[in-house]
């Protein structure tokens, strides 16, 4: 589905002359300020999640900044033959914009030709540098208002360039993703475990069957044998084939740098869905979880109730 797009600042868009070769062109902040001062009048669309466009629609001797308006919780942006810049304005459509939001973006495989910035009140924060695919897990950060500023980088040949990324806008309780964003390999505190049990997309009890590593994606996959399924929003865990002892089977991902290895015994695994994949959150040993849950229950500090047997 194509998102609403309109050139900023007039009938033909806000335009800048091509800089003398081989100059790098106007700094991204100057481009951004120019388009903001120009003012854009495009309207939001309530059902648009993705956008696909081409830099070839721009005049060859000009630089142009286009405004793209998307009102959705998740979608994809694909910019073929990138030239000039895009401002991608994001708004959710499933909850109040006033609530705390987390924005995650994930470059598509082979994406190249532009830098991606977070724009907020005229300031730019670099999220993805052209050619730097980074770790498999997409960058996430707090998002209030603003958008993404996607600036094409100077190229001798744009014929094979496409800048593309997925995005997710989620509304989660304050502090829920603090552990995952700030120190994903650090063991969770008791408070973080109890909160994760109540708010995660999946909560299961089980053991580790094996761990496989994907160095090219900087990820590790943890294959689980699940004995009890407390919650799952997507079908990450499926019934085990006949003859394999019952229960459920599934896999969750984590960063390779965390150095996860198979461990004996049962654990409580929690986590969230991220671009269609299950990512590990807190994973205490099940006996440790039982102890901390009972302690919080006796003190009336449990944020929610669940069976611990």
C-alpha atoms as a PDB file:
ATOM      1  CA  UNK A   1       0.000   0.000   0.000  1.00  0.00           C
ATOM      2  CA  UNK A   2       1.427   3.407  -0.899  1.00  0.00           C
ATOM      3  CA  UNK A   3       1.605   6.088   1.762  1.00  0.00           C
ATOM      4  CA  UNK A   4       0.624   9.708   1.240  1.00  0.00           C
ATOM      5  CA  UNK A   5       3.513  11.768  -0.138  1.00  0.00           C
ATOM      6  CA  UNK A   6       3.895  15.354  -1.135  1.00  0.00           C
ATOM      7  CA  UNK A   7       6.880  17.497  -1.998  1.00  0.00           C
ATOM      8  CA  UNK A   8       7.487  20.060   0.733  1.00  0.00           C
ATOM      9  CA  UNK A   9       7.400  23.800   0.232  1.00  0.00           C
ATOM     10  CA  UNK A  10       5.330  24.480  -2.879  1.00  0.00           C
ATOM     11  CA  UNK A  11       4.195  23.117  -6.194  1.00  0.00           C
ATOM     12  CA  UNK A  12       7.469  21.491  -7.152  1.00  0.00           C
ATOM     13  CA  UNK A  13       8.847  20.926  -3.663  1.00  0.00           C
ATOM     14  CA  UNK A  14      11.601  22.731  -1.800  1.00  0.00           C
ATOM     15  CA  UNK A  15      14.591  22.560  -4.148  1.00  0.00           C
ATOM     16  CA  UNK A  16      18.330  23.020  -3.733  1.00  0.00           C
ATOM     17  CA  UNK A  17      20.857  23.412  -6.570  1.00  0.00           C
ATOM     18  CA  UNK A  18      23.241  20.496  -7.066  1.00  0.00           C
ATOM     19  CA  UNK A  19      26.490  21.258  -5.154  1.00  0.00           C
ATOM     20  CA  UNK A  20      29.726  21.504  -7.155  1.00  0.00           C
ATOM     21  CA  UNK A  21      31.223  18.034  -7.653  1.00  0.00           C
ATOM     22  CA  UNK A  22      32.579  16.315  -5.691  1.00  0.00           C
ATOM     23  CA  UNK A  23      31.186  18.266  -2.733  1.00  0.00           C
ATOM     24  CA  UNK A  24      29.071  16.384  -0.177  1.00  0.00           C
ATOM     25  CA  UNK A  25      26.024  18.638  -0.561  1.00  0.00           C
ATOM     26  CA  UNK A  26      24.190  20.597   2.156  1.00  0.00           C
ATOM     27  CA  UNK A  27      24.476  19.163   5.659  1.00  0.00           C
ATOM     28  CA  UNK A  28      21.385  17.144   6.623  1.00  0.00           C
ATOM     29  CA  UNK A  29      20.386  19.653   9.308  1.00  0.00           C
ATOM     30  CA  UNK A  30      20.325  22.499   6.757  1.00  0.00           C
ATOM     31  CA  UNK A  31      18.099  20.440   4.471  1.00  0.00           C
ATOM     32  CA  UNK A  32      15.815  19.655   7.366  1.00  0.00           C
ATOM     33  CA  UNK A  33      15.543  23.271   8.546  1.00  0.00           C
ATOM     34  CA  UNK A  34      14.798  24.438   5.022  1.00  0.00           C
ATOM     35  CA  UNK A  35      11.916  22.017   4.556  1.00  0.00           C
ATOM     36  CA  UNK A  36      10.512  22.747   8.017  1.00  0.00           C
ATOM     37  CA  UNK A  37      10.562  26.491   7.335  1.00  0.00           C
ATOM     38  CA  UNK A  38       8.956  25.865   3.958  1.00  0.00           C
ATOM     39  CA  UNK A  39       5.947  24.257   5.619  1.00  0.00           C
ATOM     40  CA  UNK A  40       4.130  21.200   4.308  1.00  0.00           C
ATOM     41  CA  UNK A  41       0.391  20.844   4.112  1.00  0.00           C
ATOM     42  CA  UNK A  42      -0.154  17.170   3.368  1.00  0.00           C
ATOM     43  CA  UNK A  43      -2.864  15.468   5.433  1.00  0.00           C
ATOM     44  CA  UNK A  44      -2.497  12.324   7.506  1.00  0.00           C
ATOM     45  CA  UNK A  45      -4.071   9.117   6.250  1.00  0.00           C
ATOM     46  CA  UNK A  46      -5.589   6.831   8.872  1.00  0.00           C
ATOM     47  CA  UNK A  47      -5.013   3.535   7.093  1.00  0.00           C
ATOM     48  CA  UNK A  48      -1.588   3.859   5.485  1.00  0.00           C
ATOM     49  CA  UNK A  49       1.244   1.710   6.801  1.00  0.00           C
ATOM     50  CA  UNK A  50       3.844   1.489   4.021  1.00  0.00           C
ATOM     51  CA  UNK A  51       5.339   3.641   1.293  1.00  0.00           C
ATOM     52  CA  UNK A  52       7.313   2.864  -1.838  1.00  0.00           C
ATOM     53  CA  UNK A  53       8.729   5.525  -4.101  1.00  0.00           C
ATOM     54  CA  UNK A  54      11.560   6.471  -6.424  1.00  0.00           C
ATOM     55  CA  UNK A  55      14.109   9.248  -6.515  1.00  0.00           C
ATOM     56  CA  UNK A  56      13.797   9.267 -10.294  1.00  0.00           C
ATOM     57  CA  UNK A  57      10.663  11.393  -9.934  1.00  0.00           C
ATOM     58  CA  UNK A  58      12.943  14.300  -8.945  1.00  0.00           C
ATOM     59  CA  UNK A  59      14.467  16.562 -11.560  1.00  0.00           C
ATOM     60  CA  UNK A  60      17.969  15.315 -12.280  1.00  0.00           C
ATOM     61  CA  UNK A  61      19.684  18.691 -11.583  1.00  0.00           C
ATOM     62  CA  UNK A  62      17.828  19.402  -8.325  1.00  0.00           C
ATOM     63  CA  UNK A  63      17.770  18.178  -4.749  1.00  0.00           C
ATOM     64  CA  UNK A  64      14.314  17.720  -3.252  1.00  0.00           C
ATOM     65  CA  UNK A  65      12.948  16.842   0.163  1.00  0.00           C
ATOM     66  CA  UNK A  66       9.657  14.949   0.173  1.00  0.00           C
ATOM     67  CA  UNK A  67       7.260  14.488   3.057  1.00  0.00           C
ATOM     68  CA  UNK A  68       5.795  11.018   3.628  1.00  0.00           C
ATOM     69  CA  UNK A  69       2.932  10.614   6.126  1.00  0.00           C
ATOM     70  CA  UNK A  70       2.197   7.196   7.626  1.00  0.00           C
ATOM     71  CA  UNK A  71      -0.346   6.515  10.345  1.00  0.00           C
ATOM     72  CA  UNK A  72       0.211   2.929  11.463  1.00  0.00           C
ATOM     73  CA  UNK A  73       1.891   0.839  14.141  1.00  0.00           C
ATOM     74  CA  UNK A  74       4.141  -1.074  11.730  1.00  0.00           C
ATOM     75  CA  UNK A  75       5.074  -0.982   8.080  1.00  0.00           C
ATOM     76  CA  UNK A  76       7.809  -0.684   5.471  1.00  0.00           C
ATOM     77  CA  UNK A  77       9.466   2.186   3.605  1.00  0.00           C
ATOM     78  CA  UNK A  78      11.251   1.456   0.303  1.00  0.00           C
ATOM     79  CA  UNK A  79      13.019   4.266  -1.577  1.00  0.00           C
ATOM     80  CA  UNK A  80      14.440   3.217  -4.925  1.00  0.00           C
ATOM     81  CA  UNK A  81      17.199   5.253  -6.593  1.00  0.00           C
ATOM     82  CA  UNK A  82      17.485   7.582  -3.564  1.00  0.00           C
ATOM     83  CA  UNK A  83      18.272  11.251  -4.281  1.00  0.00           C
ATOM     84  CA  UNK A  84      17.653  14.272  -2.079  1.00  0.00           C
ATOM     85  CA  UNK A  85      15.890  13.352   1.143  1.00  0.00           C
ATOM     86  CA  UNK A  86      12.670  12.074   2.713  1.00  0.00           C
ATOM     87  CA  UNK A  87      10.977  13.097   5.936  1.00  0.00           C
ATOM     88  CA  UNK A  88       8.875  10.143   7.112  1.00  0.00           C
ATOM     89  CA  UNK A  89       6.254  11.344   9.592  1.00  0.00           C
ATOM     90  CA  UNK A  90       5.029   8.498  11.799  1.00  0.00           C
ATOM     91  CA  UNK A  91       1.914   8.316  13.939  1.00  0.00           C
ATOM     92  CA  UNK A  92       0.303   5.211  15.471  1.00  0.00           C
ATOM     93  CA  UNK A  93      -3.288   4.294  14.668  1.00  0.00           C
ATOM     94  CA  UNK A  94      -4.102   1.875  17.482  1.00  0.00           C
ATOM     95  CA  UNK A  95      -3.606   3.936  20.623  1.00  0.00           C
ATOM     96  CA  UNK A  96      -3.444   7.507  21.877  1.00  0.00           C
ATOM     97  CA  UNK A  97      -0.385   9.414  20.599  1.00  0.00           C
ATOM     98  CA  UNK A  98       0.034  10.908  24.067  1.00  0.00           C
ATOM     99  CA  UNK A  99       1.178   7.589  25.548  1.00  0.00           C
ATOM    100  CA  UNK A 100       4.811   6.512  25.808  1.00  0.00           C
ATOM    101  CA  UNK A 101       6.004   5.188  22.467  1.00  0.00           C
ATOM    102  CA  UNK A 102       8.983   3.113  21.411  1.00  0.00           C
ATOM    103  CA  UNK A 103      10.194   3.324  17.806  1.00  0.00           C
ATOM    104  CA  UNK A 104      12.235   0.487  16.283  1.00  0.00           C
ATOM    105  CA  UNK A 105      13.578   0.367  12.740  1.00  0.00           C
ATOM    106  CA  UNK A 106      15.218  -2.522  10.902  1.00  0.00           C
ATOM    107  CA  UNK A 107      17.018  -2.017   7.564  1.00  0.00           C
ATOM    108  CA  UNK A 108      15.936  -4.408   4.839  1.00  0.00           C
ATOM    109  CA  UNK A 109      18.557  -6.830   3.546  1.00  0.00           C
ATOM    110  CA  UNK A 110      20.770  -5.068   1.004  1.00  0.00           C
ATOM    111  CA  UNK A 111      19.537  -1.591   1.915  1.00  0.00           C
ATOM    112  CA  UNK A 112      21.957   1.133   0.770  1.00  0.00           C
ATOM    113  CA  UNK A 113      22.131   4.663  -0.547  1.00  0.00           C
ATOM    114  CA  UNK A 114      21.032   6.786   2.435  1.00  0.00           C
ATOM    115  CA  UNK A 115      21.591   7.625   6.085  1.00  0.00           C
ATOM    116  CA  UNK A 116      18.610   7.377   8.453  1.00  0.00           C
ATOM    117  CA  UNK A 117      18.183   9.894  11.267  1.00  0.00           C
ATOM    118  CA  UNK A 118      15.608  10.450  13.987  1.00  0.00           C
ATOM    119  CA  UNK A 119      14.317  14.012  13.730  1.00  0.00           C
ATOM    120  CA  UNK A 120      12.914  15.702  16.820  1.00  0.00           C
ATOM    121  CA  UNK A 121      12.294  19.452  17.158  1.00  0.00           C
ATOM    122  CA  UNK A 122      14.884  20.248  14.513  1.00  0.00           C
ATOM    123  CA  UNK A 123      17.624  18.003  15.922  1.00  0.00           C
ATOM    124  CA  UNK A 124      18.964  14.916  14.164  1.00  0.00           C
ATOM    125  CA  UNK A 125      20.191  11.660  15.731  1.00  0.00           C
ATOM    126  CA  UNK A 126      21.889   9.168  13.405  1.00  0.00           C
ATOM    127  CA  UNK A 127      20.245   5.735  13.612  1.00  0.00           C
ATOM    128  CA  UNK A 128      21.602   3.849  10.596  1.00  0.00           C
ATOM    129  CA  UNK A 129      24.613   4.903   8.542  1.00  0.00           C
ATOM    130  CA  UNK A 130      24.642   4.010   4.845  1.00  0.00           C
ATOM    131  CA  UNK A 131      26.233   0.593   4.416  1.00  0.00           C
ATOM    132  CA  UNK A 132      26.286  -0.181   8.143  1.00  0.00           C
ATOM    133  CA  UNK A 133      23.758  -2.957   8.702  1.00  0.00           C
ATOM    134  CA  UNK A 134      24.882  -3.332  12.327  1.00  0.00           C
ATOM    135  CA  UNK A 135      23.621  -6.127  14.628  1.00  0.00           C
ATOM    136  CA  UNK A 136      20.597  -8.186  13.765  1.00  0.00           C
ATOM    137  CA  UNK A 137      18.477  -6.529  16.417  1.00  0.00           C
ATOM    138  CA  UNK A 138      17.075  -3.240  15.176  1.00  0.00           C
ATOM    139  CA  UNK A 139      17.780   0.010  17.036  1.00  0.00           C
ATOM    140  CA  UNK A 140      14.956   1.095  19.350  1.00  0.00           C
ATOM    141  CA  UNK A 141      14.457   4.331  21.235  1.00  0.00           C
ATOM    142  CA  UNK A 142      11.821   6.434  22.900  1.00  0.00           C
ATOM    143  CA  UNK A 143       9.615   8.290  20.441  1.00  0.00           C
ATOM    144  CA  UNK A 144       7.305  11.190  21.290  1.00  0.00           C
ATOM    145  CA  UNK A 145       6.785  13.252  18.171  1.00  0.00           C
ATOM    146  CA  UNK A 146       8.779  13.876  15.040  1.00  0.00           C
ATOM    147  CA  UNK A 147       9.813  11.595  12.233  1.00  0.00           C
ATOM    148  CA  UNK A 148      12.630   9.947  10.340  1.00  0.00           C
ATOM    149  CA  UNK A 149      14.921  11.991   8.113  1.00  0.00           C
ATOM    150  CA  UNK A 150      16.309   9.808   5.315  1.00  0.00           C
ATOM    151  CA  UNK A 151      19.118  11.538   3.411  1.00  0.00           C
ATOM    152  CA  UNK A 152      20.557  10.091   0.210  1.00  0.00           C
ATOM    153  CA  UNK A 153      24.345   9.863   0.209  1.00  0.00           C
ATOM    154  CA  UNK A 154      26.395  11.008  -2.814  1.00  0.00           C
ATOM    155  CA  UNK A 155      26.693   8.150  -5.309  1.00  0.00           C
ATOM    156  CA  UNK A 156      28.331   7.800  -8.713  1.00  0.00           C
ATOM    157  CA  UNK A 157      25.664   5.280  -9.740  1.00  0.00           C
ATOM    158  CA  UNK A 158      22.239   5.059  -8.073  1.00  0.00           C
ATOM    159  CA  UNK A 159      20.849   2.458 -10.483  1.00  0.00           C
ATOM    160  CA  UNK A 160      21.381  -0.409  -8.031  1.00  0.00           C
ATOM    161  CA  UNK A 161      20.535   1.459  -4.831  1.00  0.00           C
ATOM    162  CA  UNK A 162      17.425   0.980  -2.713  1.00  0.00           C
ATOM    163  CA  UNK A 163      17.037   2.250   0.823  1.00  0.00           C
ATOM    164  CA  UNK A 164      14.492   0.209   2.738  1.00  0.00           C
ATOM    165  CA  UNK A 165      13.526  -0.432   6.328  1.00  0.00           C
ATOM    166  CA  UNK A 166      10.750  -1.799   8.498  1.00  0.00           C
ATOM    167  CA  UNK A 167       9.450   0.221  11.429  1.00  0.00           C
ATOM    168  CA  UNK A 168       7.447  -0.534  14.549  1.00  0.00           C
ATOM    169  CA  UNK A 169       5.725   1.920  16.875  1.00  0.00           C
ATOM    170  CA  UNK A 170       4.726   0.298  20.150  1.00  0.00           C
ATOM    171  CA  UNK A 171       3.109   1.607  23.311  1.00  0.00           C
ATOM    172  CA  UNK A 172       4.544  -0.032  26.382  1.00  0.00           C
ATOM    173  CA  UNK A 173       4.636   0.752  30.064  1.00  0.00           C
ATOM    174  CA  UNK A 174       7.429   3.069  31.148  1.00  0.00           C
ATOM    175  CA  UNK A 175      10.567   1.110  31.971  1.00  0.00           C
ATOM    176  CA  UNK A 176       9.415  -2.100  30.296  1.00  0.00           C
ATOM    177  CA  UNK A 177      12.137  -2.033  27.641  1.00  0.00           C
ATOM    178  CA  UNK A 178      14.789  -0.311  29.748  1.00  0.00           C
ATOM    179  CA  UNK A 179      16.584  -3.598  30.327  1.00  0.00           C
ATOM    180  CA  UNK A 180      16.439  -4.711  26.691  1.00  0.00           C
ATOM    181  CA  UNK A 181      17.549  -1.329  25.307  1.00  0.00           C
ATOM    182  CA  UNK A 182      20.254  -0.331  27.778  1.00  0.00           C
ATOM    183  CA  UNK A 183      21.883  -3.659  28.720  1.00  0.00           C
ATOM    184  CA  UNK A 184      20.328  -6.627  26.893  1.00  0.00           C
ATOM    185  CA  UNK A 185      22.879  -9.127  28.252  1.00  0.00           C
ATOM    186  CA  UNK A 186      22.569  -8.130  31.911  1.00  0.00           C
ATOM    187  CA  UNK A 187      20.560 -10.510  34.147  1.00  0.00           C
ATOM    188  CA  UNK A 188      17.182  -9.057  35.112  1.00  0.00           C
ATOM    189  CA  UNK A 189      16.521  -7.753  38.604  1.00  0.00           C
ATOM    190  CA  UNK A 190      13.657  -9.222  40.669  1.00  0.00           C
ATOM    191  CA  UNK A 191      11.484  -6.215  39.813  1.00  0.00           C
ATOM    192  CA  UNK A 192      12.219  -6.570  36.079  1.00  0.00           C
ATOM    193  CA  UNK A 193      11.354 -10.291  36.168  1.00  0.00           C
ATOM    194  CA  UNK A 194       8.004  -9.714  37.901  1.00  0.00           C
ATOM    195  CA  UNK A 195       7.113  -6.923  35.475  1.00  0.00           C
ATOM    196  CA  UNK A 196       8.152  -9.050  32.470  1.00  0.00           C
ATOM    197  CA  UNK A 197       5.827 -11.867  33.586  1.00  0.00           C
ATOM    198  CA  UNK A 198       2.877  -9.463  33.394  1.00  0.00           C
ATOM    199  CA  UNK A 199       3.704  -7.539  30.231  1.00  0.00           C
ATOM    200  CA  UNK A 200       5.681  -9.806  27.875  1.00  0.00           C
ATOM    201  CA  UNK A 201       4.340 -11.126  24.585  1.00  0.00           C
ATOM    202  CA  UNK A 202       5.298 -14.644  25.636  1.00  0.00           C
ATOM    203  CA  UNK A 203       5.874 -16.316  29.021  1.00  0.00           C
ATOM    204  CA  UNK A 204       6.828 -20.015  29.084  1.00  0.00           C
ATOM    205  CA  UNK A 205       8.449 -22.579  31.353  1.00  0.00           C
ATOM    206  CA  UNK A 206      10.940 -24.941  29.775  1.00  0.00           C
ATOM    207  CA  UNK A 207      14.497 -26.004  29.086  1.00  0.00           C
ATOM    208  CA  UNK A 208      17.121 -25.249  26.456  1.00  0.00           C
ATOM    209  CA  UNK A 209      17.413 -27.903  23.762  1.00  0.00           C
ATOM    210  CA  UNK A 210      20.304 -26.279  21.906  1.00  0.00           C
ATOM    211  CA  UNK A 211      21.784 -22.909  20.940  1.00  0.00           C
ATOM    212  CA  UNK A 212      22.829 -22.014  17.395  1.00  0.00           C
ATOM    213  CA  UNK A 213      24.732 -18.912  16.314  1.00  0.00           C
ATOM    214  CA  UNK A 214      24.391 -16.689  13.248  1.00  0.00           C
ATOM    215  CA  UNK A 215      27.536 -14.492  13.140  1.00  0.00           C
ATOM    216  CA  UNK A 216      26.459 -12.702   9.962  1.00  0.00           C
ATOM    217  CA  UNK A 217      23.372 -11.390  11.762  1.00  0.00           C
ATOM    218  CA  UNK A 218      25.088 -11.066  15.148  1.00  0.00           C
ATOM    219  CA  UNK A 219      22.332 -13.230  16.644  1.00  0.00           C
ATOM    220  CA  UNK A 220      21.957 -16.451  18.605  1.00  0.00           C
ATOM    221  CA  UNK A 221      18.895 -18.706  18.384  1.00  0.00           C
ATOM    222  CA  UNK A 222      17.799 -20.540  21.541  1.00  0.00           C
ATOM    223  CA  UNK A 223      15.761 -23.667  20.769  1.00  0.00           C
ATOM    224  CA  UNK A 224      13.365 -24.477  23.620  1.00  0.00           C
ATOM    225  CA  UNK A 225      11.465 -27.472  24.946  1.00  0.00           C
ATOM    226  CA  UNK A 226       8.440 -25.930  26.666  1.00  0.00           C
ATOM    227  CA  UNK A 227       6.608 -27.774  29.428  1.00  0.00           C
ATOM    228  CA  UNK A 228       4.090 -25.035  30.291  1.00  0.00           C
ATOM    229  CA  UNK A 229       2.725 -22.235  28.158  1.00  0.00           C
ATOM    230  CA  UNK A 230       1.517 -19.255  30.202  1.00  0.00           C
ATOM    231  CA  UNK A 231       1.080 -16.755  27.374  1.00  0.00           C
ATOM    232  CA  UNK A 232       1.958 -16.153  23.736  1.00  0.00           C
ATOM    233  CA  UNK A 233       0.577 -13.536  21.363  1.00  0.00           C
ATOM    234  CA  UNK A 234       1.926 -15.221  18.243  1.00  0.00           C
ATOM    235  CA  UNK A 235       2.387 -18.903  17.526  1.00  0.00           C
ATOM    236  CA  UNK A 236       6.058 -18.963  18.442  1.00  0.00           C
ATOM    237  CA  UNK A 237       5.668 -22.246  20.314  1.00  0.00           C
ATOM    238  CA  UNK A 238       3.872 -25.120  18.621  1.00  0.00           C
ATOM    239  CA  UNK A 239       2.883 -28.572  19.895  1.00  0.00           C
ATOM    240  CA  UNK A 240       5.747 -31.044  19.772  1.00  0.00           C
ATOM    241  CA  UNK A 241       5.530 -33.805  17.139  1.00  0.00           C
ATOM    242  CA  UNK A 242       4.188 -37.144  18.315  1.00  0.00           C
ATOM    243  CA  UNK A 243       6.744 -39.285  20.045  1.00  0.00           C
ATOM    244  CA  UNK A 244       8.825 -36.344  21.344  1.00  0.00           C
ATOM    245  CA  UNK A 245       7.442 -36.269  24.871  1.00  0.00           C
ATOM    246  CA  UNK A 246       4.670 -33.706  24.539  1.00  0.00           C
ATOM    247  CA  UNK A 247       4.823 -30.012  25.349  1.00  0.00           C
ATOM    248  CA  UNK A 248       5.741 -27.351  22.825  1.00  0.00           C
ATOM    249  CA  UNK A 249       8.759 -26.438  20.712  1.00  0.00           C
ATOM    250  CA  UNK A 250       9.991 -23.041  19.581  1.00  0.00           C
ATOM    251  CA  UNK A 251      12.951 -20.701  19.287  1.00  0.00           C
ATOM    252  CA  UNK A 252      13.763 -17.236  20.568  1.00  0.00           C
ATOM    253  CA  UNK A 253      16.552 -14.885  19.524  1.00  0.00           C
ATOM    254  CA  UNK A 254      19.104 -12.852  21.443  1.00  0.00           C
ATOM    255  CA  UNK A 255      22.292 -10.971  20.612  1.00  0.00           C
ATOM    256  CA  UNK A 256      25.371 -13.010  19.806  1.00  0.00           C
ATOM    257  CA  UNK A 257      27.410 -10.848  22.172  1.00  0.00           C
ATOM    258  CA  UNK A 258      25.406 -12.202  25.113  1.00  0.00           C
ATOM    259  CA  UNK A 259      27.212 -15.533  24.749  1.00  0.00           C
ATOM    260  CA  UNK A 260      24.202 -17.744  25.546  1.00  0.00           C
ATOM    261  CA  UNK A 261      25.039 -21.430  26.125  1.00  0.00           C
ATOM    262  CA  UNK A 262      22.844 -24.458  26.863  1.00  0.00           C
ATOM    263  CA  UNK A 263      22.102 -24.844  30.567  1.00  0.00           C
ATOM    264  CA  UNK A 264      20.617 -27.673  32.610  1.00  0.00           C
ATOM    265  CA  UNK A 265      17.312 -27.377  34.431  1.00  0.00           C
ATOM    266  CA  UNK A 266      14.145 -25.374  33.821  1.00  0.00           C
ATOM    267  CA  UNK A 267      13.874 -21.655  33.216  1.00  0.00           C
ATOM    268  CA  UNK A 268      11.094 -19.099  32.885  1.00  0.00           C
ATOM    269  CA  UNK A 269      11.471 -17.475  29.463  1.00  0.00           C
ATOM    270  CA  UNK A 270       9.859 -14.094  28.720  1.00  0.00           C
ATOM    271  CA  UNK A 271      10.192 -11.700  25.808  1.00  0.00           C
ATOM    272  CA  UNK A 272       8.598  -9.708  23.010  1.00  0.00           C
ATOM    273  CA  UNK A 273       7.806 -10.080  19.341  1.00  0.00           C
ATOM    274  CA  UNK A 274      10.043  -7.870  17.232  1.00  0.00           C
ATOM    275  CA  UNK A 275       9.482  -7.654  13.460  1.00  0.00           C
ATOM    276  CA  UNK A 276       7.800 -11.053  13.534  1.00  0.00           C
ATOM    277  CA  UNK A 277      10.504 -12.747  15.606  1.00  0.00           C
ATOM    278  CA  UNK A 278      10.527 -13.685  19.298  1.00  0.00           C
ATOM    279  CA  UNK A 279      13.279 -11.901  21.255  1.00  0.00           C
ATOM    280  CA  UNK A 280      14.367 -13.009  24.693  1.00  0.00           C
ATOM    281  CA  UNK A 281      13.756 -10.743  27.672  1.00  0.00           C
ATOM    282  CA  UNK A 282      14.202 -12.050  31.206  1.00  0.00           C
ATOM    283  CA  UNK A 283      15.012 -15.742  31.729  1.00  0.00           C
ATOM    284  CA  UNK A 284      15.592 -16.670  35.397  1.00  0.00           C
ATOM    285  CA  UNK A 285      15.876 -20.253  36.587  1.00  0.00           C
ATOM    286  CA  UNK A 286      12.369 -21.406  37.407  1.00  0.00           C
ATOM    287  CA  UNK A 287      13.185 -22.164  41.048  1.00  0.00           C
ATOM    288  CA  UNK A 288      14.568 -18.647  41.460  1.00  0.00           C
ATOM    289  CA  UNK A 289      11.424 -17.201  39.898  1.00  0.00           C
ATOM    290  CA  UNK A 290       9.211 -19.212  42.281  1.00  0.00           C
ATOM    291  CA  UNK A 291      11.130 -17.848  45.235  1.00  0.00           C
ATOM    292  CA  UNK A 292      10.968 -14.203  44.149  1.00  0.00           C
ATOM    293  CA  UNK A 293       7.281 -14.528  43.185  1.00  0.00           C
ATOM    294  CA  UNK A 294       6.295 -15.960  46.577  1.00  0.00           C
ATOM    295  CA  UNK A 295       8.316 -13.288  48.378  1.00  0.00           C
ATOM    296  CA  UNK A 296       6.588 -10.498  46.432  1.00  0.00           C
ATOM    297  CA  UNK A 297       3.190 -12.151  46.971  1.00  0.00           C
ATOM    298  CA  UNK A 298       3.677 -12.235  50.737  1.00  0.00           C
ATOM    299  CA  UNK A 299       4.533  -8.531  50.689  1.00  0.00           C
ATOM    300  CA  UNK A 300       1.654  -7.655  48.359  1.00  0.00           C
ATOM    301  CA  UNK A 301       4.014  -6.380  45.665  1.00  0.00           C
ATOM    302  CA  UNK A 302       3.090  -8.668  42.766  1.00  0.00           C
ATOM    303  CA  UNK A 303       2.025  -6.608  39.706  1.00  0.00           C
ATOM    304  CA  UNK A 304      -0.089  -9.592  38.516  1.00  0.00           C
ATOM    305  CA  UNK A 305      -0.943 -13.184  39.392  1.00  0.00           C
ATOM    306  CA  UNK A 306       0.123 -16.404  37.689  1.00  0.00           C
ATOM    307  CA  UNK A 307       0.559 -20.064  38.587  1.00  0.00           C
ATOM    308  CA  UNK A 308       4.052 -20.947  39.782  1.00  0.00           C
ATOM    309  CA  UNK A 309       3.745 -24.738  40.186  1.00  0.00           C
END
